[in-house]
Amino acid sequence: MFTKAIADDGYCTDAYYNRALAYSYLKAYQQSIADYTRAIELKSRFKMAYNNRGTDKNELQDYTGAIEDYSKAIQIDSNYARAYYNRGISQMNLNRYEKAIADFTKAIELEPDYKEAYQNREIALRKSW
């Protein structure tokens, strides 16, 4: 369905984004990253596409690339708690615990009920000792 929409209109941002979501679900990360990239080319301030592309890069252990994407999503929307949380996960994967703690703390400030951010901040705190 999304591929048909793209074939009919190569400028349909939503079709690229939704197909990327489907590829992500199937763990076809190279394809999803390509579609998120195209969606971003069509809509440069697409924070969710940056965030999700970062998540898929994280799955491929491209933590630095993931951090760049999360940072771009945060640049677009400084109140995007999910991007802070996800960036914290990638920071932890690189053993950058202080940066991870800062990101988890910011996610908690923005969403005080963000249970996973509390849990991962605690893990980062313990690993930083």
Protein backbone atom coordinates (compact mmCIF):
# COMPACT_ATOMS: atom_id res chain seq x y z
CA MET A 1 0.00 0.00 0.00
CA PHE A 2 2.72 2.53 0.97
CA THR A 3 4.94 1.42 -1.89
CA LYS A 4 2.05 2.02 -4.29
CA ALA A 5 1.46 5.47 -2.82
CA ILE A 6 5.16 6.26 -3.25
CA ALA A 7 5.07 5.00 -6.84
CA ASP A 8 2.08 7.26 -7.52
CA ASP A 9 3.59 10.27 -5.72
CA GLY A 10 7.30 10.23 -4.85
CA TYR A 11 6.79 13.30 -2.67
CA CYS A 12 4.32 11.75 -0.23
CA THR A 13 6.10 12.20 3.10
CA ASP A 14 3.51 10.21 5.04
CA ALA A 15 3.90 7.20 2.76
CA TYR A 16 7.68 7.12 3.31
CA TYR A 17 7.27 7.59 7.05
CA ASN A 18 4.60 4.90 7.40
CA ARG A 19 6.51 2.44 5.24
CA ALA A 20 9.55 3.12 7.43
CA LEU A 21 7.47 2.25 10.50
CA ALA A 22 6.48 -1.02 8.85
CA TYR A 23 10.10 -1.82 7.97
CA SER A 24 11.11 -1.03 11.56
CA TYR A 25 8.48 -3.41 12.86
CA LEU A 26 9.93 -6.09 10.57
CA LYS A 27 13.45 -5.25 11.79
CA ALA A 28 14.41 -4.29 8.22
CA TYR A 29 16.43 -1.37 9.57
CA GLN A 30 18.37 -0.45 6.43
CA GLN A 31 15.12 -0.03 4.53
CA SER A 32 13.45 1.88 7.34
CA ILE A 33 16.43 4.22 7.67
CA ALA A 34 16.31 4.89 3.92
CA ASP A 35 12.60 5.75 4.12
CA TYR A 36 12.99 7.93 7.21
CA THR A 37 15.81 9.72 5.40
CA ARG A 38 13.58 10.37 2.40
CA ALA A 39 10.78 11.62 4.66
CA ILE A 40 13.27 14.01 6.29
CA GLU A 41 14.43 15.20 2.87
CA LEU A 42 10.81 16.05 2.07
CA LYS A 43 10.03 17.57 5.49
CA SER A 44 13.22 18.81 7.14
CA ARG A 45 11.68 19.47 10.57
CA PHE A 46 10.09 16.01 10.94
CA LYS A 47 11.08 15.33 14.55
CA MET A 48 9.43 11.89 14.74
CA ALA A 49 11.30 10.72 11.63
CA TYR A 50 14.60 11.82 13.18
CA ASN A 51 13.71 10.13 16.46
CA ASN A 52 12.65 6.87 14.82
CA ARG A 53 15.62 6.83 12.47
CA GLY A 54 17.79 7.23 15.56
CA THR A 55 16.08 4.27 17.17
CA ASP A 56 16.80 2.10 14.15
CA LYS A 57 20.41 3.28 14.05
CA ASN A 58 20.63 2.35 17.73
CA GLU A 59 19.37 -1.15 16.84
CA LEU A 60 22.23 -1.39 14.32
CA GLN A 61 24.66 -0.27 17.04
CA ASP A 62 25.34 3.03 15.26
CA TYR A 63 25.09 4.87 18.56
CA THR A 64 26.84 8.01 17.37
CA GLY A 65 24.50 8.28 14.38
CA ALA A 66 21.54 7.68 16.67
CA ILE A 67 22.66 10.44 19.04
CA GLU A 68 22.93 12.83 16.08
CA ASP A 69 19.36 12.04 15.04
CA TYR A 70 17.97 12.39 18.57
CA SER A 71 19.83 15.68 18.95
CA LYS A 72 18.27 16.95 15.73
CA ALA A 73 14.80 15.97 16.99
CA ILE A 74 15.54 17.86 20.22
CA GLN A 75 16.76 20.86 18.23
CA ILE A 76 13.40 20.87 16.42
CA ASP A 77 11.40 20.42 19.65
CA SER A 78 13.23 21.02 22.93
CA ASN A 79 10.26 19.52 24.83
CA TYR A 80 10.41 16.13 23.07
CA ALA A 81 10.91 13.87 26.09
CA ARG A 82 11.09 10.67 24.03
CA ALA A 83 14.13 11.97 22.10
CA TYR A 84 15.94 12.82 25.37
CA TYR A 85 15.16 9.36 26.69
CA ASN A 86 16.31 7.63 23.52
CA ARG A 87 19.48 9.71 23.38
CA GLY A 88 20.15 8.66 26.97
CA ILE A 89 19.92 5.01 25.93
CA SER A 90 22.47 5.54 23.15
CA GLN A 91 24.72 7.47 25.55
CA MET A 92 24.59 4.51 27.94
CA ASN A 93 25.50 2.17 25.09
CA LEU A 94 28.64 4.27 24.63
CA ASN A 95 29.34 4.22 28.40
CA ARG A 96 28.73 7.98 28.60
CA TYR A 97 26.86 7.71 31.85
CA GLU A 98 26.92 11.38 32.89
CA LYS A 99 25.39 12.40 29.56
CA ALA A 100 22.84 9.60 29.84
CA ILE A 101 21.89 10.75 33.35
CA ALA A 102 21.41 14.31 32.06
CA ASP A 103 19.18 13.10 29.22
CA PHE A 104 17.08 10.87 31.45
CA THR A 105 16.73 13.70 33.95
CA LYS A 106 15.53 16.06 31.23
CA ALA A 107 13.00 13.47 30.02
CA ILE A 108 11.71 13.19 33.61
CA GLU A 109 11.48 16.98 33.94
CA LEU A 110 9.34 17.07 30.81
CA GLU A 111 7.26 14.01 31.72
CA PRO A 112 7.32 13.39 35.49
CA ASP A 113 5.59 10.00 35.11
CA TYR A 114 8.20 8.64 32.65
CA LYS A 115 8.85 5.37 34.50
CA GLU A 116 11.46 4.02 32.03
CA ALA A 117 13.48 7.23 32.32
CA TYR A 118 13.64 6.83 36.11
CA GLN A 119 14.68 3.19 35.76
CA ASN A 120 17.40 3.86 33.20
CA ARG A 121 18.67 6.90 35.11
CA GLU A 122 19.13 4.64 38.11
CA ILE A 123 21.05 2.12 35.98
CA ALA A 124 23.26 4.91 34.59
CA LEU A 125 23.87 6.26 38.10
CA ARG A 126 24.97 2.85 39.35
CA LYS A 127 27.26 2.29 36.35
CA SER A 128 28.82 5.74 36.75
CA TRP A 129 30.17 4.95 40.22
